[in-house]
PDB file of N, CA and C in Angstrom:
ATOM      1  N   MET A   1       3.644 -14.241   4.907  1.00  0.00           N
ATOM      2  CA  MET A   1       3.197 -13.110   3.805  1.00  0.00           C
ATOM      3  C   MET A   1       3.129 -13.533   2.728  1.00  0.00           C
ATOM      4  N   ILE A   2       2.079 -13.508   2.109  1.00  0.00           N
ATOM      5  CA  ILE A   2       1.613 -13.459   0.702  1.00  0.00           C
ATOM      6  C   ILE A   2       1.971 -12.299  -0.541  1.00  0.00           C
ATOM      7  N   THR A   3       2.903 -12.532  -1.180  1.00  0.00           N
ATOM      8  CA  THR A   3       2.935 -11.801  -2.111  1.00  0.00           C
ATOM      9  C   THR A   3       2.127 -11.664  -3.259  1.00  0.00           C
ATOM     10  N   LEU A   4       1.226 -10.635  -3.766  1.00  0.00           N
ATOM     11  CA  LEU A   4       0.507 -10.533  -4.525  1.00  0.00           C
ATOM     12  C   LEU A   4       0.867 -10.257  -5.945  1.00  0.00           C
ATOM     13  N   ASP A   5       2.092  -9.889  -6.049  1.00  0.00           N
ATOM     14  CA  ASP A   5       2.839  -9.761  -7.349  1.00  0.00           C
ATOM     15  C   ASP A   5       3.889 -10.550  -7.318  1.00  0.00           C
ATOM     16  N   ASP A   6       4.892 -10.299  -8.608  1.00  0.00           N
ATOM     17  CA  ASP A   6       5.865 -11.367  -8.878  1.00  0.00           C
ATOM     18  C   ASP A   6       6.936 -11.141  -7.977  1.00  0.00           C
ATOM     19  N   VAL A   7       7.078  -9.667  -7.376  1.00  0.00           N
ATOM     20  CA  VAL A   7       8.458  -9.422  -6.935  1.00  0.00           C
ATOM     21  C   VAL A   7       7.917  -9.022  -5.364  1.00  0.00           C
ATOM     22  N   PRO A   8       8.452  -9.616  -4.313  1.00  0.00           N
ATOM     23  CA  PRO A   8       8.136  -9.013  -3.148  1.00  0.00           C
ATOM     24  C   PRO A   8       8.883  -7.568  -2.853  1.00  0.00           C
ATOM     25  N   ILE A   9       8.214  -6.833  -2.198  1.00  0.00           N
ATOM     26  CA  ILE A   9       8.778  -5.404  -1.896  1.00  0.00           C
ATOM     27  C   ILE A   9       8.989  -5.550  -0.507  1.00  0.00           C
ATOM     28  N   LYS A  10      10.382  -5.203   0.166  1.00  0.00           N
ATOM     29  CA  LYS A  10      10.627  -5.211   1.354  1.00  0.00           C
ATOM     30  C   LYS A  10      11.239  -3.796   1.885  1.00  0.00           C
ATOM     31  N   VAL A  11      10.002  -3.198   2.891  1.00  0.00           N
ATOM     32  CA  VAL A  11      10.183  -1.932   3.002  1.00  0.00           C
ATOM     33  C   VAL A  11      10.340  -1.707   4.701  1.00  0.00           C
ATOM     34  N   ARG A  12      10.645  -0.703   5.369  1.00  0.00           N
ATOM     35  CA  ARG A  12      10.617  -0.456   6.853  1.00  0.00           C
ATOM     36  C   ARG A  12       9.738   0.742   7.146  1.00  0.00           C
ATOM     37  N   LYS A  13       8.703   0.580   7.912  1.00  0.00           N
ATOM     38  CA  LYS A  13       7.912   1.862   8.040  1.00  0.00           C
ATOM     39  C   LYS A  13       8.967   2.703   8.948  1.00  0.00           C
ATOM     40  N   ILE A  14       8.482   4.038   8.455  1.00  0.00           N
ATOM     41  CA  ILE A  14       9.312   5.423   9.293  1.00  0.00           C
ATOM     42  C   ILE A  14       8.373   5.678  10.359  1.00  0.00           C
ATOM     43  N   PRO A  15       8.974   5.550  11.615  1.00  0.00           N
ATOM     44  CA  PRO A  15       8.224   5.850  12.672  1.00  0.00           C
ATOM     45  C   PRO A  15       7.638   7.226  12.710  1.00  0.00           C
ATOM     46  N   ASN A  16       6.267   7.082  13.459  1.00  0.00           N
ATOM     47  CA  ASN A  16       5.490   8.677  13.438  1.00  0.00           C
ATOM     48  C   ASN A  16       5.183   9.000  11.911  1.00  0.00           C
ATOM     49  N   LYS A  17       5.014   8.336  10.968  1.00  0.00           N
ATOM     50  CA  LYS A  17       5.144   9.281   9.590  1.00  0.00           C
ATOM     51  C   LYS A  17       3.480   8.723   9.036  1.00  0.00           C
ATOM     52  N   LEU A  18       2.619   9.007   9.659  1.00  0.00           N
ATOM     53  CA  LEU A  18       1.221   8.535   8.882  1.00  0.00           C
ATOM     54  C   LEU A  18       0.850   9.992   8.160  1.00  0.00           C
ATOM     55  N   LEU A  19       0.942   9.436   6.862  1.00  0.00           N
ATOM     56  CA  LEU A  19       0.325  10.290   5.843  1.00  0.00           C
ATOM     57  C   LEU A  19      -1.260  10.798   5.814  1.00  0.00           C
ATOM     58  N   GLY A  20      -1.846   9.701   5.915  1.00  0.00           N
ATOM     59  CA  GLY A  20      -3.289  10.049   6.147  1.00  0.00           C
ATOM     60  C   GLY A  20      -3.962   8.665   6.537  1.00  0.00           C
ATOM     61  N   ARG A  21      -5.402   8.976   7.217  1.00  0.00           N
ATOM     62  CA  ARG A  21      -6.485   7.618   7.293  1.00  0.00           C
ATOM     63  C   ARG A  21      -7.900   8.151   7.070  1.00  0.00           C
ATOM     64  N   GLY A  22      -8.088   6.749   6.812  1.00  0.00           N
ATOM     65  CA  GLY A  22      -9.442   7.163   6.176  1.00  0.00           C
ATOM     66  C   GLY A  22     -10.600   5.512   6.079  1.00  0.00           C
ATOM     67  N   ALA A  23     -12.006   5.414   5.765  1.00  0.00           N
ATOM     68  CA  ALA A  23     -12.520   4.514   6.130  1.00  0.00           C
ATOM     69  C   ALA A  23     -11.968   2.985   5.637  1.00  0.00           C
ATOM     70  N   THR A  24     -11.219   2.853   4.786  1.00  0.00           N
ATOM     71  CA  THR A  24     -10.634   1.516   4.420  1.00  0.00           C
ATOM     72  C   THR A  24      -9.231   1.412   5.239  1.00  0.00           C
ATOM     73  N   GLY A  25      -8.503   2.006   5.439  1.00  0.00           N
ATOM     74  CA  GLY A  25      -7.221   2.009   6.220  1.00  0.00           C
ATOM     75  C   GLY A  25      -6.259   2.931   6.018  1.00  0.00           C
ATOM     76  N   ALA A  26      -5.130   3.183   6.356  1.00  0.00           N
ATOM     77  CA  ALA A  26      -4.098   4.225   6.752  1.00  0.00           C
ATOM     78  C   ALA A  26      -2.938   4.163   5.998  1.00  0.00           C
ATOM     79  N   VAL A  27      -2.424   5.264   5.350  1.00  0.00           N
ATOM     80  CA  VAL A  27      -1.017   5.456   4.888  1.00  0.00           C
ATOM     81  C   VAL A  27       0.090   5.817   5.614  1.00  0.00           C
ATOM     82  N   TYR A  28       1.151   5.161   5.496  1.00  0.00           N
ATOM     83  CA  TYR A  28       2.395   5.428   6.197  1.00  0.00           C
ATOM     84  C   TYR A  28       3.510   5.726   5.234  1.00  0.00           C
ATOM     85  N   LEU A  29       4.299   6.287   5.382  1.00  0.00           N
ATOM     86  CA  LEU A  29       5.618   6.588   4.609  1.00  0.00           C
ATOM     87  C   LEU A  29       6.630   5.567   5.425  1.00  0.00           C
ATOM     88  N   ALA A  30       7.363   5.173   3.978  1.00  0.00           N
ATOM     89  CA  ALA A  30       8.232   3.939   4.545  1.00  0.00           C
ATOM     90  C   ALA A  30       9.514   3.797   3.571  1.00  0.00           C
ATOM     91  N   LEU A  31      10.635   3.338   3.824  1.00  0.00           N
ATOM     92  CA  LEU A  31      11.877   3.145   2.944  1.00  0.00           C
ATOM     93  C   LEU A  31      11.937   1.859   2.702  1.00  0.00           C
ATOM     94  N   GLN A  32      12.020   1.957   1.145  1.00  0.00           N
ATOM     95  CA  GLN A  32      12.113   0.753   0.260  1.00  0.00           C
ATOM     96  C   GLN A  32      13.585   0.232   0.373  1.00  0.00           C
ATOM     97  N   GLU A  33      14.578   0.001   1.431  1.00  0.00           N
ATOM     98  CA  GLU A  33      15.874  -0.167   1.799  1.00  0.00           C
ATOM     99  C   GLU A  33      16.666  -0.649   0.367  1.00  0.00           C
ATOM    100  N   GLU A  34      16.572  -1.214  -0.164  1.00  0.00           N
ATOM    101  CA  GLU A  34      17.239  -2.269  -0.824  1.00  0.00           C
ATOM    102  C   GLU A  34      17.427  -1.062  -2.061  1.00  0.00           C
ATOM    103  N   ILE A  35      16.901   0.021  -2.266  1.00  0.00           N
ATOM    104  CA  ILE A  35      16.943   0.904  -3.269  1.00  0.00           C
ATOM    105  C   ILE A  35      17.128   2.233  -3.260  1.00  0.00           C
ATOM    106  N   GLY A  36      16.678   2.637  -1.373  1.00  0.00           N
ATOM    107  CA  GLY A  36      16.837   4.113  -1.370  1.00  0.00           C
ATOM    108  C   GLY A  36      15.590   4.755  -1.536  1.00  0.00           C
ATOM    109  N   ARG A  37      14.531   4.045  -1.507  1.00  0.00           N
ATOM    110  CA  ARG A  37      13.389   4.818  -2.227  1.00  0.00           C
ATOM    111  C   ARG A  37      12.208   5.319  -1.240  1.00  0.00           C
ATOM    112  N   LEU A  38      12.043   6.112  -0.899  1.00  0.00           N
ATOM    113  CA  LEU A  38      10.579   6.418   0.130  1.00  0.00           C
ATOM    114  C   LEU A  38       9.481   5.943  -0.645  1.00  0.00           C
ATOM    115  N   VAL A  39       8.264   5.279  -0.132  1.00  0.00           N
ATOM    116  CA  VAL A  39       7.474   4.506  -0.394  1.00  0.00           C
ATOM    117  C   VAL A  39       6.057   4.940   0.437  1.00  0.00           C
ATOM    118  N   ALA A  40       4.833   4.887  -0.296  1.00  0.00           N
ATOM    119  CA  ALA A  40       3.817   5.032   0.670  1.00  0.00           C
ATOM    120  C   ALA A  40       3.468   3.698   0.505  1.00  0.00           C
ATOM    121  N   VAL A  41       2.774   3.486   2.010  1.00  0.00           N
ATOM    122  CA  VAL A  41       2.316   1.753   1.826  1.00  0.00           C
ATOM    123  C   VAL A  41       0.966   2.079   2.386  1.00  0.00           C
ATOM    124  N   LYS A  42      -0.255   1.844   1.955  1.00  0.00           N
ATOM    125  CA  LYS A  42      -1.294   1.494   2.530  1.00  0.00           C
ATOM    126  C   LYS A  42      -1.939   0.306   2.859  1.00  0.00           C
ATOM    127  N   GLU A  43      -2.173   0.391   4.660  1.00  0.00           N
ATOM    128  CA  GLU A  43      -2.507  -0.608   5.218  1.00  0.00           C
ATOM    129  C   GLU A  43      -4.064  -0.743   5.517  1.00  0.00           C
ATOM    130  N   ILE A  44      -4.579  -2.040   4.894  1.00  0.00           N
ATOM    131  CA  ILE A  44      -5.795  -2.162   4.978  1.00  0.00           C
ATOM    132  C   ILE A  44      -6.010  -3.374   5.902  1.00  0.00           C
ATOM    133  N   PRO A  45      -7.012  -3.164   7.198  1.00  0.00           N
ATOM    134  CA  PRO A  45      -6.959  -4.283   8.006  1.00  0.00           C
ATOM    135  C   PRO A  45      -7.972  -5.452   7.031  1.00  0.00           C
ATOM    136  N   TYR A  46      -7.762  -6.896   7.210  1.00  0.00           N
ATOM    137  CA  TYR A  46      -8.677  -7.815   6.607  1.00  0.00           C
ATOM    138  C   TYR A  46      -8.504  -9.270   7.412  1.00  0.00           C
ATOM    139  N   HIS A  47      -9.716  -9.639   7.619  1.00  0.00           N
ATOM    140  CA  HIS A  47      -9.700 -11.206   8.169  1.00  0.00           C
ATOM    141  C   HIS A  47     -10.131 -11.925   7.363  1.00  0.00           C
ATOM    142  N   ARG A  48      -9.999 -13.006   7.146  1.00  0.00           N
ATOM    143  CA  ARG A  48     -10.447 -14.094   6.079  1.00  0.00           C
ATOM    144  C   ARG A  48     -11.811 -14.128   6.492  1.00  0.00           C
ATOM    145  N   GLY A  49     -12.468 -14.308   5.777  1.00  0.00           N
ATOM    146  CA  GLY A  49     -13.696 -14.423   5.744  1.00  0.00           C
ATOM    147  C   GLY A  49     -14.671 -13.453   5.414  1.00  0.00           C
ATOM    148  N   GLU A  50     -14.126 -12.042   5.335  1.00  0.00           N
ATOM    149  CA  GLU A  50     -14.916 -10.967   5.319  1.00  0.00           C
ATOM    150  C   GLU A  50     -14.681 -10.613   4.065  1.00  0.00           C
ATOM    151  N   GLY A  51     -15.672  -9.721   3.530  1.00  0.00           N
ATOM    152  CA  GLY A  51     -15.602  -9.285   2.194  1.00  0.00           C
ATOM    153  C   GLY A  51     -14.255  -8.953   1.682  1.00  0.00           C
ATOM    154  N   TYR A  52     -14.107  -9.241   0.421  1.00  0.00           N
ATOM    155  CA  TYR A  52     -12.977  -8.983  -0.232  1.00  0.00           C
ATOM    156  C   TYR A  52     -13.090  -8.087  -1.508  1.00  0.00           C
ATOM    157  N   ASP A  53     -14.386  -7.699  -1.620  1.00  0.00           N
ATOM    158  CA  ASP A  53     -15.031  -6.959  -2.850  1.00  0.00           C
ATOM    159  C   ASP A  53     -13.823  -5.630  -2.775  1.00  0.00           C
ATOM    160  N   VAL A  54     -14.246  -4.893  -1.750  1.00  0.00           N
ATOM    161  CA  VAL A  54     -13.623  -3.385  -1.695  1.00  0.00           C
ATOM    162  C   VAL A  54     -12.124  -2.978  -2.082  1.00  0.00           C
ATOM    163  N   ILE A  55     -11.271  -4.385  -1.100  1.00  0.00           N
ATOM    164  CA  ILE A  55      -9.970  -4.350  -1.498  1.00  0.00           C
ATOM    165  C   ILE A  55      -9.383  -4.707  -2.983  1.00  0.00           C
ATOM    166  N   GLY A  56     -10.022  -5.881  -3.329  1.00  0.00           N
ATOM    167  CA  GLY A  56      -9.900  -6.323  -4.822  1.00  0.00           C
ATOM    168  C   GLY A  56     -10.197  -5.024  -5.734  1.00  0.00           C
ATOM    169  N   LYS A  57     -11.341  -4.495  -5.730  1.00  0.00           N
ATOM    170  CA  LYS A  57     -11.394  -3.525  -6.571  1.00  0.00           C
ATOM    171  C   LYS A  57     -10.228  -2.282  -6.654  1.00  0.00           C
ATOM    172  N   GLU A  58      -9.922  -1.949  -5.046  1.00  0.00           N
ATOM    173  CA  GLU A  58      -8.996  -0.661  -5.194  1.00  0.00           C
ATOM    174  C   GLU A  58      -7.411  -1.513  -5.872  1.00  0.00           C
ATOM    175  N   MET A  59      -7.441  -2.495  -5.136  1.00  0.00           N
ATOM    176  CA  MET A  59      -6.157  -3.090  -5.869  1.00  0.00           C
ATOM    177  C   MET A  59      -5.939  -2.812  -7.600  1.00  0.00           C
ATOM    178  N   ALA A  60      -7.016  -3.553  -8.311  1.00  0.00           N
ATOM    179  CA  ALA A  60      -7.530  -3.822  -9.738  1.00  0.00           C
ATOM    180  C   ALA A  60      -7.392  -2.314  -9.892  1.00  0.00           C
ATOM    181  N   MET A  61      -7.681  -1.394  -9.462  1.00  0.00           N
ATOM    182  CA  MET A  61      -7.806   0.149 -10.026  1.00  0.00           C
ATOM    183  C   MET A  61      -6.417   0.709  -9.764  1.00  0.00           C
ATOM    184  N   VAL A  62      -5.586   0.360  -8.833  1.00  0.00           N
ATOM    185  CA  VAL A  62      -4.435   1.077  -8.590  1.00  0.00           C
ATOM    186  C   VAL A  62      -3.384   0.394  -9.618  1.00  0.00           C
ATOM    187  N   ARG A  63      -3.534  -0.742  -9.632  1.00  0.00           N
ATOM    188  CA  ARG A  63      -2.438  -1.551 -11.079  1.00  0.00           C
ATOM    189  C   ARG A  63      -2.623  -1.055 -12.118  1.00  0.00           C
ATOM    190  N   ARG A  64      -4.231  -1.036 -12.442  1.00  0.00           N
ATOM    191  CA  ARG A  64      -4.356  -0.465 -14.074  1.00  0.00           C
ATOM    192  C   ARG A  64      -3.954   1.016 -14.119  1.00  0.00           C
ATOM    193  N   ALA A  65      -4.058   1.980 -12.872  1.00  0.00           N
ATOM    194  CA  ALA A  65      -3.693   3.701 -13.554  1.00  0.00           C
ATOM    195  C   ALA A  65      -2.301   3.770 -13.712  1.00  0.00           C
ATOM    196  N   VAL A  66      -2.203   4.061 -15.040  1.00  0.00           N
ATOM    197  CA  VAL A  66      -1.033   4.403 -15.486  1.00  0.00           C
ATOM    198  C   VAL A  66      -1.048   5.784 -16.390  1.00  0.00           C
ATOM    199  N   HIS A  67      -0.676   6.758 -15.562  1.00  0.00           N
ATOM    200  CA  HIS A  67      -0.625   8.387 -15.650  1.00  0.00           C
ATOM    201  C   HIS A  67       0.526   9.244 -14.934  1.00  0.00           C
ATOM    202  N   PRO A  68       1.112  10.294 -15.702  1.00  0.00           N
ATOM    203  CA  PRO A  68       1.669  11.236 -15.125  1.00  0.00           C
ATOM    204  C   PRO A  68       1.362  11.853 -13.876  1.00  0.00           C
ATOM    205  N   ASN A  69      -0.164  11.753 -13.601  1.00  0.00           N
ATOM    206  CA  ASN A  69      -0.855  12.515 -12.481  1.00  0.00           C
ATOM    207  C   ASN A  69      -1.393  11.545 -11.780  1.00  0.00           C
ATOM    208  N   VAL A  70      -0.923  10.258 -11.884  1.00  0.00           N
ATOM    209  CA  VAL A  70      -1.676   9.101 -10.730  1.00  0.00           C
ATOM    210  C   VAL A  70      -0.274   8.719 -10.246  1.00  0.00           C
ATOM    211  N   VAL A  71      -0.173   8.427  -8.880  1.00  0.00           N
ATOM    212  CA  VAL A  71       0.941   7.740  -7.969  1.00  0.00           C
ATOM    213  C   VAL A  71       1.103   6.152  -8.392  1.00  0.00           C
ATOM    214  N   GLN A  72       2.122   5.785  -9.124  1.00  0.00           N
ATOM    215  CA  GLN A  72       2.631   4.803  -9.392  1.00  0.00           C
ATOM    216  C   GLN A  72       2.556   3.531  -8.416  1.00  0.00           C
ATOM    217  N   TYR A  73       2.029   2.397  -8.991  1.00  0.00           N
ATOM    218  CA  TYR A  73       1.732   1.214  -8.148  1.00  0.00           C
ATOM    219  C   TYR A  73       3.172   0.318  -7.928  1.00  0.00           C
ATOM    220  N   PHE A  74       3.533  -0.085  -6.898  1.00  0.00           N
ATOM    221  CA  PHE A  74       4.995  -0.908  -7.092  1.00  0.00           C
ATOM    222  C   PHE A  74       4.446  -2.424  -6.740  1.00  0.00           C
ATOM    223  N   GLY A  75       3.454  -2.506  -5.685  1.00  0.00           N
ATOM    224  CA  GLY A  75       3.100  -3.806  -5.549  1.00  0.00           C
ATOM    225  C   GLY A  75       2.234  -4.172  -4.265  1.00  0.00           C
ATOM    226  N   ALA A  76       1.895  -5.286  -4.064  1.00  0.00           N
ATOM    227  CA  ALA A  76       0.926  -5.602  -2.744  1.00  0.00           C
ATOM    228  C   ALA A  76       1.184  -6.626  -2.150  1.00  0.00           C
ATOM    229  N   GLU A  77       0.721  -6.891  -0.870  1.00  0.00           N
ATOM    230  CA  GLU A  77       0.779  -8.237  -0.082  1.00  0.00           C
ATOM    231  C   GLU A  77      -0.205  -8.366   1.087  1.00  0.00           C
ATOM    232  N   TYR A  78      -0.114  -9.634   1.449  1.00  0.00           N
ATOM    233  CA  TYR A  78      -1.099  -9.707   2.664  1.00  0.00           C
ATOM    234  C   TYR A  78      -0.285 -10.621   3.726  1.00  0.00           C
ATOM    235  N   ASP A  79      -0.484  -9.762   4.686  1.00  0.00           N
ATOM    236  CA  ASP A  79       0.140 -10.116   5.769  1.00  0.00           C
ATOM    237  C   ASP A  79      -0.753 -11.071   6.932  1.00  0.00           C
ATOM    238  N   GLU A  80      -0.500 -12.243   6.691  1.00  0.00           N
ATOM    239  CA  GLU A  80      -1.629 -13.231   7.579  1.00  0.00           C
ATOM    240  C   GLU A  80      -1.470 -13.088   9.255  1.00  0.00           C
ATOM    241  N   GLY A  81      -0.278 -12.816   9.491  1.00  0.00           N
ATOM    242  CA  GLY A  81       0.029 -12.718  11.162  1.00  0.00           C
ATOM    243  C   GLY A  81      -0.490 -11.532  11.564  1.00  0.00           C
ATOM    244  N   GLU A  82      -0.588 -10.404  10.488  1.00  0.00           N
ATOM    245  CA  GLU A  82      -1.078  -9.098  11.044  1.00  0.00           C
ATOM    246  C   GLU A  82      -2.469  -8.792  10.702  1.00  0.00           C
ATOM    247  N   SER A  83      -3.128  -9.933   9.768  1.00  0.00           N
ATOM    248  CA  SER A  83      -4.266  -9.313   9.106  1.00  0.00           C
ATOM    249  C   SER A  83      -4.344  -7.986   8.535  1.00  0.00           C
ATOM    250  N   LEU A  84      -3.295  -7.813   7.546  1.00  0.00           N
ATOM    251  CA  LEU A  84      -3.179  -6.784   6.866  1.00  0.00           C
ATOM    252  C   LEU A  84      -2.828  -6.872   5.288  1.00  0.00           C
ATOM    253  N   PHE A  85      -3.724  -6.322   4.428  1.00  0.00           N
ATOM    254  CA  PHE A  85      -3.242  -5.971   2.839  1.00  0.00           C
ATOM    255  C   PHE A  85      -2.561  -4.699   2.978  1.00  0.00           C
ATOM    256  N   ARG A  86      -1.515  -4.862   2.455  1.00  0.00           N
ATOM    257  CA  ARG A  86      -0.514  -3.939   2.124  1.00  0.00           C
ATOM    258  C   ARG A  86      -0.242  -3.355   0.634  1.00  0.00           C
ATOM    259  N   ILE A  87      -0.732  -1.802   0.317  1.00  0.00           N
ATOM    260  CA  ILE A  87      -0.402  -1.357  -1.120  1.00  0.00           C
ATOM    261  C   ILE A  87       0.595  -0.752  -1.301  1.00  0.00           C
ATOM    262  N   PHE A  88       1.708  -1.121  -1.987  1.00  0.00           N
ATOM    263  CA  PHE A  88       3.035  -0.114  -2.043  1.00  0.00           C
ATOM    264  C   PHE A  88       2.747   0.701  -3.316  1.00  0.00           C
ATOM    265  N   MET A  89       2.954   2.412  -3.038  1.00  0.00           N
ATOM    266  CA  MET A  89       2.980   3.184  -4.050  1.00  0.00           C
ATOM    267  C   MET A  89       3.890   4.204  -3.886  1.00  0.00           C
ATOM    268  N   GLU A  90       3.888   4.619  -4.861  1.00  0.00           N
ATOM    269  CA  GLU A  90       4.643   5.791  -5.248  1.00  0.00           C
ATOM    270  C   GLU A  90       4.646   6.811  -4.050  1.00  0.00           C
ATOM    271  N   TYR A  91       5.777   7.578  -3.584  1.00  0.00           N
ATOM    272  CA  TYR A  91       5.740   8.647  -2.309  1.00  0.00           C
ATOM    273  C   TYR A  91       5.456  10.037  -3.183  1.00  0.00           C
ATOM    274  N   VAL A  92       4.538  10.446  -2.855  1.00  0.00           N
ATOM    275  CA  VAL A  92       4.686  12.344  -3.717  1.00  0.00           C
ATOM    276  C   VAL A  92       4.772  13.216  -2.608  1.00  0.00           C
ATOM    277  N   PRO A  93       5.399  13.951  -2.151  1.00  0.00           N
ATOM    278  CA  PRO A  93       5.719  14.588  -0.970  1.00  0.00           C
ATOM    279  C   PRO A  93       4.755  15.828  -1.048  1.00  0.00           C
ATOM    280  N   GLY A  94       4.059  16.538  -0.036  1.00  0.00           N
ATOM    281  CA  GLY A  94       2.861  17.564   0.172  1.00  0.00           C
ATOM    282  C   GLY A  94       1.640  16.592  -0.751  1.00  0.00           C
ATOM    283  N   ALA A  95       1.720  15.483  -1.027  1.00  0.00           N
ATOM    284  CA  ALA A  95       0.240  15.080  -1.887  1.00  0.00           C
ATOM    285  C   ALA A  95      -0.954  14.673  -0.700  1.00  0.00           C
ATOM    286  N   ARG A  96      -2.098  14.911  -1.187  1.00  0.00           N
ATOM    287  CA  ARG A  96      -3.036  14.270  -0.048  1.00  0.00           C
ATOM    288  C   ARG A  96      -3.517  12.915  -0.729  1.00  0.00           C
ATOM    289  N   TRP A  97      -3.085  12.124   0.589  1.00  0.00           N
ATOM    290  CA  TRP A  97      -3.489  10.435   0.291  1.00  0.00           C
ATOM    291  C   TRP A  97      -4.813  10.125   0.642  1.00  0.00           C
ATOM    292  N   PRO A  98      -5.463   9.727  -0.614  1.00  0.00           N
ATOM    293  CA  PRO A  98      -6.811   8.977  -0.549  1.00  0.00           C
ATOM    294  C   PRO A  98      -6.867   7.750   0.371  1.00  0.00           C
ATOM    295  N   THR A  99      -7.375   7.410   1.237  1.00  0.00           N
ATOM    296  CA  THR A  99      -7.394   6.197   2.165  1.00  0.00           C
ATOM    297  C   THR A  99      -9.057   5.672   1.982  1.00  0.00           C
TER     298      THR A  99
END
């Protein structure tokens, strides 16, 4: 597991809680157990050697977006075993999740 931020985020996906799916990945509901916070986790399949441009641009955009009407970015990681990038974001009940 490669943490892409200073502090790793430990979450447990909540079974059967897919929030949305799109061209680049899927967003799931998860629990950040150490503080009892629900979070949205975007999972993006990635295999070494493939283009990183789309994922890199999305992560840069989410990190910079600081506004009351934009979900908060909590962190990201790359899971080599599952070949997945995960972006951890604020969960907003009832929101439509861009994927």
